[in-house]
Amino acid sequence: MHSNKLILGSQSPRRQVLLENAGFQFEVKSIDHDEVFPQDMPPEDVAEYLAIEKNRAFREQLNDEIVITADTVVISKERILGKPKDKVEAINMLSALSGISHSVVTGVCISNNQNRHSFSSTTEVKIKTLSIKEIDYYVSKYESFDKAGAYGIQEWFGLIAVEWIKGSFYNVVGLPIHKVYTILTEEFSVSPY
């Protein structure tokens, strides 16, 4: 018999909203975990690796609860753009993404004591050529520092700057919720209704 107590191991308000909007009841927990990965790891593997490592850290503290961990990275020209440390770094990141397409990869790991399922989801995003005025406005008015690549697609930036996406919109927000929903309901017998 599986426990249906669901833990979201993420402080991301966007992941919380997506899981809630999909109908799941869950508790939010956080854990201090260094987001360190092997330097020779291919960039597209990093998000899933980090999600698995976070999940492993939670498993040591939990019984049979189901825990969901995730990590999102932005990859441009084979380089990972993490969360900017300050306004200057945020401006530099958005300037680097201006006029080109990049990949957003979210890695997810879902586990209980009997089962672990991890995967990653990739979405291609094309950003229009941005003016420095648009970049400065966005960084000054919105919270860029808690977002990989310094932007949130669900905000003003996404409305004015994203020309197209190929893949899941919600993956770019921070959680490929359609796949998470399927795994939770089919493999872990968690019912949102």
N, C-alpha and C. Protein backbone atom coordinates (compact mmCIF):
# COMPACT_ATOMS: atom_id res chain seq x y z
N MET A 1 0.85 -1.20 0.00
CA MET A 1 0.00 0.00 0.00
C MET A 1 0.88 1.25 0.00
N HIS A 2 0.66 2.13 -0.96
CA HIS A 2 1.45 3.35 -1.04
C HIS A 2 0.84 4.45 -0.18
N SER A 3 1.73 5.21 0.45
CA SER A 3 1.28 6.41 1.14
C SER A 3 0.91 7.44 0.07
N ASN A 4 -0.15 8.16 0.29
CA ASN A 4 -0.52 9.19 -0.68
C ASN A 4 -0.15 10.58 -0.21
N LYS A 5 0.59 10.67 0.92
CA LYS A 5 1.01 11.98 1.37
C LYS A 5 2.06 12.50 0.39
N LEU A 6 1.79 13.68 -0.14
CA LEU A 6 2.62 14.24 -1.20
C LEU A 6 3.43 15.42 -0.65
N ILE A 7 4.73 15.40 -0.93
CA ILE A 7 5.62 16.47 -0.51
C ILE A 7 6.22 17.11 -1.77
N LEU A 8 6.12 18.44 -1.87
CA LEU A 8 6.82 19.15 -2.93
C LEU A 8 8.10 19.70 -2.31
N GLY A 9 9.21 19.17 -2.75
CA GLY A 9 10.51 19.60 -2.23
C GLY A 9 11.04 20.77 -3.02
N SER A 10 10.31 21.88 -2.98
CA SER A 10 10.69 23.07 -3.75
C SER A 10 10.06 24.30 -3.14
N GLN A 11 10.82 25.36 -3.05
CA GLN A 11 10.28 26.64 -2.56
C GLN A 11 9.70 27.49 -3.70
N SER A 12 9.78 26.99 -4.93
CA SER A 12 9.31 27.76 -6.08
C SER A 12 7.81 27.99 -6.01
N PRO A 13 7.40 29.27 -5.94
CA PRO A 13 5.96 29.55 -5.91
C PRO A 13 5.27 29.11 -7.20
N ARG A 14 6.00 29.11 -8.32
CA ARG A 14 5.40 28.71 -9.60
C ARG A 14 5.12 27.20 -9.62
N ARG A 15 6.04 26.41 -9.09
CA ARG A 15 5.79 24.95 -9.03
C ARG A 15 4.62 24.66 -8.10
N GLN A 16 4.53 25.40 -7.01
CA GLN A 16 3.43 25.19 -6.06
C GLN A 16 2.08 25.47 -6.73
N VAL A 17 2.00 26.55 -7.48
CA VAL A 17 0.76 26.92 -8.17
C VAL A 17 0.38 25.86 -9.21
N LEU A 18 1.36 25.38 -9.97
CA LEU A 18 1.07 24.38 -11.00
C LEU A 18 0.54 23.09 -10.38
N LEU A 19 1.17 22.63 -9.31
CA LEU A 19 0.74 21.39 -8.66
C LEU A 19 -0.65 21.56 -8.03
N GLU A 20 -0.87 22.72 -7.45
CA GLU A 20 -2.17 23.03 -6.85
C GLU A 20 -3.26 23.11 -7.92
N ASN A 21 -2.95 23.78 -9.03
CA ASN A 21 -3.93 23.93 -10.11
C ASN A 21 -4.26 22.60 -10.77
N ALA A 22 -3.34 21.62 -10.67
CA ALA A 22 -3.61 20.28 -11.22
C ALA A 22 -4.47 19.47 -10.25
N GLY A 23 -4.79 20.04 -9.09
CA GLY A 23 -5.72 19.41 -8.17
C GLY A 23 -5.09 18.64 -7.02
N PHE A 24 -3.77 18.67 -6.90
CA PHE A 24 -3.12 17.88 -5.85
C PHE A 24 -3.04 18.63 -4.53
N GLN A 25 -3.17 17.87 -3.44
CA GLN A 25 -2.95 18.41 -2.10
C GLN A 25 -1.56 17.95 -1.69
N PHE A 26 -0.77 18.87 -1.18
CA PHE A 26 0.62 18.56 -0.86
C PHE A 26 1.13 19.50 0.22
N GLU A 27 2.26 19.12 0.75
CA GLU A 27 2.96 19.92 1.74
C GLU A 27 4.25 20.39 1.09
N VAL A 28 4.68 21.60 1.39
CA VAL A 28 5.93 22.12 0.85
C VAL A 28 7.02 21.98 1.91
N LYS A 29 8.13 21.38 1.51
CA LYS A 29 9.28 21.27 2.41
C LYS A 29 10.51 21.71 1.63
N SER A 30 11.47 22.23 2.38
CA SER A 30 12.73 22.58 1.72
C SER A 30 13.87 21.94 2.49
N ILE A 31 14.97 21.82 1.80
CA ILE A 31 16.15 21.19 2.37
C ILE A 31 17.36 21.93 1.80
N ASP A 32 18.35 22.16 2.62
CA ASP A 32 19.57 22.78 2.11
C ASP A 32 20.35 21.75 1.30
N HIS A 33 20.57 22.07 0.05
CA HIS A 33 21.29 21.14 -0.81
C HIS A 33 22.09 21.94 -1.84
N ASP A 34 23.38 21.67 -1.90
CA ASP A 34 24.22 22.37 -2.87
C ASP A 34 23.89 21.88 -4.27
N GLU A 35 23.69 22.82 -5.18
CA GLU A 35 23.39 22.46 -6.56
C GLU A 35 24.70 22.30 -7.33
N VAL A 36 25.40 21.22 -7.02
CA VAL A 36 26.71 20.95 -7.62
C VAL A 36 26.56 19.75 -8.54
N PHE A 37 27.21 19.81 -9.69
CA PHE A 37 27.15 18.72 -10.65
C PHE A 37 28.53 18.55 -11.28
N PRO A 38 28.82 17.37 -11.81
CA PRO A 38 30.13 17.16 -12.45
C PRO A 38 30.32 18.13 -13.61
N GLN A 39 31.49 18.77 -13.65
CA GLN A 39 31.75 19.80 -14.67
C GLN A 39 31.77 19.25 -16.10
N ASP A 40 32.02 17.94 -16.24
CA ASP A 40 32.05 17.36 -17.58
C ASP A 40 30.69 16.79 -18.02
N MET A 41 29.68 16.99 -17.18
CA MET A 41 28.33 16.49 -17.50
C MET A 41 27.73 17.31 -18.65
N PRO A 42 27.11 16.64 -19.64
CA PRO A 42 26.44 17.40 -20.70
C PRO A 42 25.36 18.32 -20.10
N PRO A 43 25.27 19.57 -20.54
CA PRO A 43 24.34 20.53 -19.96
C PRO A 43 22.89 20.03 -19.88
N GLU A 44 22.46 19.25 -20.91
CA GLU A 44 21.07 18.79 -20.93
C GLU A 44 20.78 17.71 -19.87
N ASP A 45 21.82 17.16 -19.23
CA ASP A 45 21.63 16.16 -18.18
C ASP A 45 21.62 16.75 -16.77
N VAL A 46 22.02 18.01 -16.65
CA VAL A 46 22.22 18.62 -15.33
C VAL A 46 20.93 18.73 -14.52
N ALA A 47 19.84 19.19 -15.12
CA ALA A 47 18.59 19.41 -14.37
C ALA A 47 18.08 18.12 -13.74
N GLU A 48 18.07 17.03 -14.49
CA GLU A 48 17.60 15.76 -13.94
C GLU A 48 18.54 15.25 -12.85
N TYR A 49 19.84 15.40 -13.07
CA TYR A 49 20.83 15.00 -12.07
C TYR A 49 20.57 15.74 -10.74
N LEU A 50 20.37 17.06 -10.82
CA LEU A 50 20.14 17.85 -9.61
C LEU A 50 18.82 17.48 -8.94
N ALA A 51 17.78 17.20 -9.74
CA ALA A 51 16.49 16.79 -9.17
C ALA A 51 16.64 15.46 -8.42
N ILE A 52 17.40 14.53 -8.97
CA ILE A 52 17.64 13.24 -8.31
C ILE A 52 18.42 13.43 -7.02
N GLU A 53 19.45 14.28 -7.05
CA GLU A 53 20.25 14.52 -5.85
C GLU A 53 19.42 15.18 -4.74
N LYS A 54 18.58 16.13 -5.11
CA LYS A 54 17.69 16.76 -4.11
C LYS A 54 16.75 15.71 -3.53
N ASN A 55 16.21 14.86 -4.41
CA ASN A 55 15.26 13.83 -3.97
C ASN A 55 15.94 12.87 -3.00
N ARG A 56 17.16 12.49 -3.31
CA ARG A 56 17.93 11.58 -2.45
C ARG A 56 18.10 12.19 -1.05
N ALA A 57 18.38 13.49 -0.99
CA ALA A 57 18.55 14.17 0.29
C ALA A 57 17.24 14.14 1.10
N PHE A 58 16.11 14.31 0.43
CA PHE A 58 14.81 14.24 1.11
C PHE A 58 14.51 12.83 1.60
N ARG A 59 14.83 11.83 0.80
CA ARG A 59 14.52 10.44 1.15
C ARG A 59 15.12 10.06 2.50
N GLU A 60 16.29 10.63 2.83
CA GLU A 60 16.95 10.33 4.10
C GLU A 60 16.14 10.83 5.29
N GLN A 61 15.26 11.81 5.07
CA GLN A 61 14.49 12.40 6.16
C GLN A 61 13.02 11.97 6.18
N LEU A 62 12.58 11.25 5.16
CA LEU A 62 11.16 10.92 5.04
C LEU A 62 10.91 9.44 5.27
N ASN A 63 9.66 9.10 5.53
CA ASN A 63 9.26 7.70 5.61
C ASN A 63 8.80 7.27 4.23
N ASP A 64 7.48 7.03 4.08
CA ASP A 64 7.00 6.58 2.77
C ASP A 64 6.22 7.66 2.02
N GLU A 65 6.41 8.91 2.40
CA GLU A 65 5.76 9.97 1.65
C GLU A 65 6.27 9.98 0.21
N ILE A 66 5.45 10.51 -0.67
CA ILE A 66 5.87 10.69 -2.06
C ILE A 66 6.46 12.09 -2.16
N VAL A 67 7.68 12.17 -2.64
CA VAL A 67 8.33 13.48 -2.74
C VAL A 67 8.63 13.80 -4.21
N ILE A 68 8.35 15.05 -4.56
CA ILE A 68 8.64 15.57 -5.91
C ILE A 68 9.72 16.62 -5.77
N THR A 69 10.81 16.44 -6.51
CA THR A 69 11.84 17.47 -6.57
C THR A 69 12.06 17.82 -8.04
N ALA A 70 12.51 19.05 -8.27
CA ALA A 70 12.70 19.50 -9.66
C ALA A 70 13.82 20.53 -9.71
N ASP A 71 14.37 20.67 -10.89
CA ASP A 71 15.37 21.71 -11.13
C ASP A 71 15.24 22.14 -12.59
N THR A 72 15.34 23.43 -12.81
CA THR A 72 15.22 23.96 -14.17
C THR A 72 16.50 24.70 -14.55
N VAL A 73 17.00 24.42 -15.74
CA VAL A 73 18.16 25.15 -16.25
C VAL A 73 17.86 25.71 -17.63
N VAL A 74 18.48 26.82 -17.93
CA VAL A 74 18.40 27.42 -19.26
C VAL A 74 19.75 27.16 -19.92
N ILE A 75 19.71 26.65 -21.13
CA ILE A 75 20.95 26.34 -21.85
C ILE A 75 20.99 27.16 -23.14
N SER A 76 22.06 27.95 -23.25
CA SER A 76 22.26 28.76 -24.45
C SER A 76 23.69 28.54 -24.92
N LYS A 77 23.85 28.12 -26.17
CA LYS A 77 25.17 27.88 -26.75
C LYS A 77 26.00 26.95 -25.86
N GLU A 78 25.38 25.83 -25.44
CA GLU A 78 26.04 24.80 -24.63
C GLU A 78 26.47 25.29 -23.24
N ARG A 79 25.95 26.44 -22.82
CA ARG A 79 26.28 27.01 -21.51
C ARG A 79 25.03 27.09 -20.66
N ILE A 80 25.16 26.69 -19.39
CA ILE A 80 24.02 26.76 -18.47
C ILE A 80 23.94 28.16 -17.88
N LEU A 81 22.73 28.74 -18.00
CA LEU A 81 22.46 30.02 -17.36
C LEU A 81 21.61 29.73 -16.12
N GLY A 82 22.18 29.92 -14.96
CA GLY A 82 21.46 29.65 -13.72
C GLY A 82 20.66 30.86 -13.29
N LYS A 83 20.49 31.00 -11.99
CA LYS A 83 19.80 32.17 -11.44
C LYS A 83 20.82 33.28 -11.29
N PRO A 84 20.49 34.48 -11.77
CA PRO A 84 21.46 35.58 -11.67
C PRO A 84 21.70 36.00 -10.22
N LYS A 85 22.93 36.39 -9.94
CA LYS A 85 23.29 36.82 -8.58
C LYS A 85 22.88 38.26 -8.31
N ASP A 86 22.84 39.07 -9.38
CA ASP A 86 22.52 40.49 -9.20
C ASP A 86 21.95 41.05 -10.51
N LYS A 87 21.63 42.35 -10.47
CA LYS A 87 21.01 43.01 -11.62
C LYS A 87 21.92 42.98 -12.86
N VAL A 88 23.20 43.19 -12.66
CA VAL A 88 24.14 43.19 -13.78
C VAL A 88 24.16 41.83 -14.47
N GLU A 89 24.21 40.75 -13.67
CA GLU A 89 24.21 39.41 -14.25
C GLU A 89 22.90 39.11 -14.96
N ALA A 90 21.78 39.58 -14.39
CA ALA A 90 20.47 39.38 -15.03
C ALA A 90 20.43 40.09 -16.39
N ILE A 91 20.91 41.32 -16.43
CA ILE A 91 20.95 42.08 -17.70
C ILE A 91 21.84 41.36 -18.71
N ASN A 92 22.98 40.87 -18.26
CA ASN A 92 23.90 40.16 -19.16
C ASN A 92 23.27 38.88 -19.72
N MET A 93 22.55 38.15 -18.87
CA MET A 93 21.89 36.91 -19.32
C MET A 93 20.83 37.22 -20.37
N LEU A 94 19.97 38.20 -20.09
CA LEU A 94 18.90 38.52 -21.04
C LEU A 94 19.48 39.09 -22.34
N SER A 95 20.57 39.82 -22.24
CA SER A 95 21.24 40.33 -23.46
C SER A 95 21.77 39.17 -24.29
N ALA A 96 22.30 38.14 -23.61
CA ALA A 96 22.83 36.96 -24.30
C ALA A 96 21.72 36.15 -24.97
N LEU A 97 20.52 36.16 -24.39
CA LEU A 97 19.39 35.41 -24.96
C LEU A 97 18.66 36.18 -26.07
N SER A 98 18.90 37.48 -26.13
CA SER A 98 18.22 38.35 -27.09
C SER A 98 18.47 37.91 -28.53
N GLY A 99 17.38 37.70 -29.26
CA GLY A 99 17.46 37.41 -30.69
C GLY A 99 17.77 35.97 -31.05
N ILE A 100 17.88 35.09 -30.08
CA ILE A 100 18.22 33.70 -30.38
C ILE A 100 17.26 32.73 -29.68
N SER A 101 17.36 31.47 -30.05
CA SER A 101 16.58 30.44 -29.34
C SER A 101 17.50 29.74 -28.34
N HIS A 102 16.89 29.22 -27.30
CA HIS A 102 17.64 28.49 -26.28
C HIS A 102 16.76 27.35 -25.77
N SER A 103 17.35 26.48 -24.95
CA SER A 103 16.61 25.35 -24.38
C SER A 103 16.35 25.60 -22.91
N VAL A 104 15.16 25.21 -22.48
CA VAL A 104 14.84 25.19 -21.05
C VAL A 104 14.61 23.72 -20.70
N VAL A 105 15.41 23.22 -19.77
CA VAL A 105 15.31 21.81 -19.36
C VAL A 105 14.91 21.76 -17.90
N THR A 106 13.81 21.07 -17.62
CA THR A 106 13.41 20.82 -16.24
C THR A 106 13.56 19.34 -15.96
N GLY A 107 14.33 19.05 -14.93
CA GLY A 107 14.48 17.68 -14.45
C GLY A 107 13.55 17.47 -13.28
N VAL A 108 12.92 16.31 -13.23
CA VAL A 108 11.97 15.99 -12.15
C VAL A 108 12.31 14.61 -11.60
N CYS A 109 12.19 14.47 -10.28
CA CYS A 109 12.34 13.16 -9.65
C CYS A 109 11.19 12.98 -8.66
N ILE A 110 10.46 11.89 -8.80
CA ILE A 110 9.34 11.56 -7.93
C ILE A 110 9.65 10.21 -7.29
N SER A 111 9.52 10.13 -5.97
CA SER A 111 9.85 8.86 -5.32
C SER A 111 9.04 8.63 -4.05
N ASN A 112 8.94 7.34 -3.71
CA ASN A 112 8.56 6.92 -2.36
C ASN A 112 9.56 5.82 -2.01
N ASN A 113 9.33 5.06 -0.95
CA ASN A 113 10.31 4.04 -0.57
C ASN A 113 10.41 2.89 -1.56
N GLN A 114 9.38 2.65 -2.35
CA GLN A 114 9.39 1.51 -3.27
C GLN A 114 9.77 1.89 -4.70
N ASN A 115 9.61 3.13 -5.07
CA ASN A 115 9.67 3.48 -6.48
C ASN A 115 10.33 4.84 -6.66
N ARG A 116 11.07 4.99 -7.74
CA ARG A 116 11.62 6.30 -8.10
C ARG A 116 11.50 6.46 -9.60
N HIS A 117 10.97 7.60 -10.02
CA HIS A 117 10.84 7.89 -11.45
C HIS A 117 11.45 9.28 -11.68
N SER A 118 12.45 9.34 -12.56
CA SER A 118 13.01 10.64 -12.90
C SER A 118 12.99 10.81 -14.42
N PHE A 119 12.92 12.05 -14.84
CA PHE A 119 12.91 12.37 -16.28
C PHE A 119 13.28 13.83 -16.45
N SER A 120 13.55 14.20 -17.67
CA SER A 120 13.71 15.62 -17.96
C SER A 120 12.87 15.97 -19.18
N SER A 121 12.45 17.21 -19.22
CA SER A 121 11.62 17.72 -20.30
C SER A 121 12.31 18.96 -20.88
N THR A 122 12.35 19.05 -22.20
CA THR A 122 13.04 20.16 -22.86
C THR A 122 12.07 20.96 -23.72
N THR A 123 12.16 22.27 -23.61
CA THR A 123 11.36 23.18 -24.43
C THR A 123 12.31 24.17 -25.09
N GLU A 124 12.13 24.37 -26.39
CA GLU A 124 12.92 25.38 -27.10
C GLU A 124 12.14 26.70 -27.05
N VAL A 125 12.86 27.78 -26.78
CA VAL A 125 12.25 29.10 -26.66
C VAL A 125 13.02 30.08 -27.53
N LYS A 126 12.30 30.84 -28.34
CA LYS A 126 12.92 31.88 -29.19
C LYS A 126 12.55 33.25 -28.64
N ILE A 127 13.59 34.02 -28.32
CA ILE A 127 13.41 35.38 -27.80
C ILE A 127 13.65 36.38 -28.94
N LYS A 128 12.80 37.38 -29.02
CA LYS A 128 13.01 38.43 -30.03
C LYS A 128 14.26 39.23 -29.68
N THR A 129 14.70 40.05 -30.60
CA THR A 129 15.81 40.96 -30.30
C THR A 129 15.29 42.04 -29.36
N LEU A 130 15.90 42.12 -28.19
CA LEU A 130 15.44 43.03 -27.15
C LEU A 130 16.24 44.32 -27.12
N SER A 131 15.58 45.40 -26.79
CA SER A 131 16.31 46.66 -26.59
C SER A 131 16.83 46.66 -25.14
N ILE A 132 17.87 47.43 -24.89
CA ILE A 132 18.39 47.52 -23.53
C ILE A 132 17.34 48.14 -22.60
N LYS A 133 16.48 48.98 -23.17
CA LYS A 133 15.40 49.61 -22.39
C LYS A 133 14.42 48.53 -21.90
N GLU A 134 14.06 47.59 -22.79
CA GLU A 134 13.15 46.49 -22.41
C GLU A 134 13.78 45.60 -21.34
N ILE A 135 15.05 45.28 -21.53
CA ILE A 135 15.75 44.43 -20.56
C ILE A 135 15.83 45.13 -19.20
N ASP A 136 16.22 46.38 -19.20
CA ASP A 136 16.35 47.13 -17.95
C ASP A 136 15.00 47.27 -17.24
N TYR A 137 13.95 47.54 -18.01
CA TYR A 137 12.61 47.64 -17.43
C TYR A 137 12.22 46.34 -16.75
N TYR A 138 12.42 45.22 -17.44
CA TYR A 138 12.03 43.93 -16.89
C TYR A 138 12.81 43.60 -15.61
N VAL A 139 14.11 43.76 -15.67
CA VAL A 139 14.95 43.42 -14.51
C VAL A 139 14.63 44.34 -13.32
N SER A 140 14.31 45.60 -13.59
CA SER A 140 14.00 46.54 -12.51
C SER A 140 12.63 46.30 -11.90
N LYS A 141 11.66 45.91 -12.73
CA LYS A 141 10.28 45.81 -12.25
C LYS A 141 9.89 44.42 -11.75
N TYR A 142 10.53 43.37 -12.25
CA TYR A 142 10.14 42.00 -11.91
C TYR A 142 11.29 41.29 -11.18
N GLU A 143 10.93 40.23 -10.48
CA GLU A 143 11.94 39.45 -9.76
C GLU A 143 12.66 38.52 -10.72
N SER A 144 13.88 38.88 -11.10
CA SER A 144 14.67 38.06 -12.02
C SER A 144 15.58 37.08 -11.29
N PHE A 145 15.83 37.33 -10.02
CA PHE A 145 16.91 36.63 -9.34
C PHE A 145 16.58 35.21 -8.89
N ASP A 146 15.31 34.85 -8.90
CA ASP A 146 14.96 33.47 -8.50
C ASP A 146 14.59 32.61 -9.71
N LYS A 147 14.99 33.08 -10.90
CA LYS A 147 14.60 32.36 -12.12
C LYS A 147 15.83 32.02 -12.97
N ALA A 148 15.87 30.77 -13.41
CA ALA A 148 16.94 30.35 -14.32
C ALA A 148 16.86 31.19 -15.59
N GLY A 149 17.99 31.70 -16.04
CA GLY A 149 18.01 32.51 -17.26
C GLY A 149 17.50 33.91 -17.04
N ALA A 150 17.13 34.25 -15.81
CA ALA A 150 16.72 35.61 -15.41
C ALA A 150 15.35 36.05 -15.93
N TYR A 151 14.51 35.09 -16.37
CA TYR A 151 13.18 35.52 -16.83
C TYR A 151 12.10 34.51 -16.47
N GLY A 152 10.88 35.01 -16.39
CA GLY A 152 9.70 34.17 -16.21
C GLY A 152 8.82 34.31 -17.43
N ILE A 153 8.54 33.21 -18.10
CA ILE A 153 7.74 33.25 -19.33
C ILE A 153 6.30 33.67 -19.05
N GLN A 154 5.83 33.45 -17.81
CA GLN A 154 4.45 33.76 -17.46
C GLN A 154 4.25 35.24 -17.13
N GLU A 155 5.32 36.03 -17.15
CA GLU A 155 5.27 37.45 -16.80
C GLU A 155 5.29 38.32 -18.05
N TRP A 156 5.45 39.62 -17.82
CA TRP A 156 5.53 40.61 -18.90
C TRP A 156 6.56 40.21 -19.94
N PHE A 157 7.70 39.71 -19.49
CA PHE A 157 8.76 39.31 -20.42
C PHE A 157 8.26 38.29 -21.43
N GLY A 158 7.56 37.28 -20.97
CA GLY A 158 7.02 36.26 -21.87
C GLY A 158 6.03 36.83 -22.86
N LEU A 159 5.24 37.78 -22.40
CA LEU A 159 4.22 38.40 -23.27
C LEU A 159 4.84 39.19 -24.41
N ILE A 160 5.93 39.89 -24.12
CA ILE A 160 6.48 40.79 -25.15
C ILE A 160 7.70 40.23 -25.87
N ALA A 161 8.38 39.24 -25.27
CA ALA A 161 9.67 38.85 -25.82
C ALA A 161 9.71 37.47 -26.47
N VAL A 162 8.80 36.57 -26.09
CA VAL A 162 8.87 35.20 -26.61
C VAL A 162 8.16 35.12 -27.96
N GLU A 163 8.94 34.85 -29.01
CA GLU A 163 8.37 34.75 -30.36
C GLU A 163 7.68 33.40 -30.57
N TRP A 164 8.30 32.32 -30.07
CA TRP A 164 7.69 31.00 -30.18
C TRP A 164 8.31 30.05 -29.16
N ILE A 165 7.57 28.99 -28.88
CA ILE A 165 8.13 27.91 -28.08
C ILE A 165 7.80 26.59 -28.78
N LYS A 166 8.68 25.61 -28.57
CA LYS A 166 8.46 24.27 -29.09
C LYS A 166 8.58 23.34 -27.89
N GLY A 167 7.45 22.83 -27.44
CA GLY A 167 7.43 22.00 -26.25
C GLY A 167 6.44 22.55 -25.24
N SER A 168 6.57 22.10 -24.01
CA SER A 168 5.62 22.47 -22.95
C SER A 168 5.88 23.87 -22.40
N PHE A 169 4.85 24.69 -22.40
CA PHE A 169 4.90 26.03 -21.78
C PHE A 169 5.19 25.89 -20.29
N TYR A 170 4.47 24.95 -19.63
CA TYR A 170 4.60 24.81 -18.18
C TYR A 170 5.98 24.30 -17.78
N ASN A 171 6.66 23.62 -18.67
CA ASN A 171 8.04 23.22 -18.43
C ASN A 171 8.92 24.45 -18.24
N VAL A 172 8.67 25.48 -19.05
CA VAL A 172 9.44 26.73 -18.94
C VAL A 172 9.08 27.46 -17.65
N VAL A 173 7.83 27.36 -17.23
CA VAL A 173 7.41 27.96 -15.96
C VAL A 173 8.14 27.27 -14.79
N GLY A 174 8.44 25.97 -14.94
CA GLY A 174 9.22 25.30 -13.90
C GLY A 174 8.82 23.88 -13.58
N LEU A 175 7.73 23.37 -14.21
CA LEU A 175 7.32 21.99 -13.94
C LEU A 175 6.49 21.48 -15.11
N PRO A 176 6.94 20.42 -15.80
CA PRO A 176 6.13 19.85 -16.89
C PRO A 176 4.95 19.09 -16.28
N ILE A 177 3.95 19.83 -15.88
CA ILE A 177 2.88 19.33 -15.02
C ILE A 177 2.08 18.20 -15.67
N HIS A 178 1.93 18.20 -16.99
CA HIS A 178 1.18 17.12 -17.65
C HIS A 178 1.85 15.77 -17.40
N LYS A 179 3.17 15.72 -17.45
CA LYS A 179 3.88 14.47 -17.23
C LYS A 179 3.91 14.11 -15.74
N VAL A 180 4.07 15.11 -14.89
CA VAL A 180 4.03 14.88 -13.44
C VAL A 180 2.67 14.31 -13.04
N TYR A 181 1.61 14.87 -13.59
CA TYR A 181 0.25 14.40 -13.31
C TYR A 181 0.11 12.92 -13.68
N THR A 182 0.58 12.55 -14.87
CA THR A 182 0.48 11.16 -15.34
C THR A 182 1.25 10.21 -14.43
N ILE A 183 2.46 10.57 -14.07
CA ILE A 183 3.27 9.71 -13.21
C ILE A 183 2.65 9.57 -11.83
N LEU A 184 2.19 10.68 -11.25
CA LEU A 184 1.57 10.62 -9.91
C LEU A 184 0.32 9.76 -9.90
N THR A 185 -0.53 9.93 -10.91
CA THR A 185 -1.80 9.19 -10.92
C THR A 185 -1.63 7.73 -11.32
N GLU A 186 -0.74 7.46 -12.28
CA GLU A 186 -0.61 6.09 -12.79
C GLU A 186 0.40 5.24 -12.03
N GLU A 187 1.55 5.82 -11.67
CA GLU A 187 2.58 5.01 -11.02
C GLU A 187 2.52 5.07 -9.49
N PHE A 188 2.05 6.20 -8.95
CA PHE A 188 2.04 6.36 -7.50
C PHE A 188 0.64 6.37 -6.92
N SER A 189 -0.37 6.18 -7.75
CA SER A 189 -1.79 6.10 -7.32
C SER A 189 -2.24 7.29 -6.50
N VAL A 190 -1.78 8.46 -6.85
CA VAL A 190 -2.21 9.70 -6.18
C VAL A 190 -3.37 10.28 -6.96
N SER A 191 -4.48 10.50 -6.30
CA SER A 191 -5.65 11.04 -6.98
C SER A 191 -5.83 12.52 -6.67
N PRO A 192 -5.97 13.36 -7.71
CA PRO A 192 -6.23 14.77 -7.47
C PRO A 192 -7.73 15.05 -7.29
N TYR A 193 -8.57 14.02 -7.43
CA TYR A 193 -10.01 14.23 -7.34
C TYR A 193 -10.67 13.19 -6.48
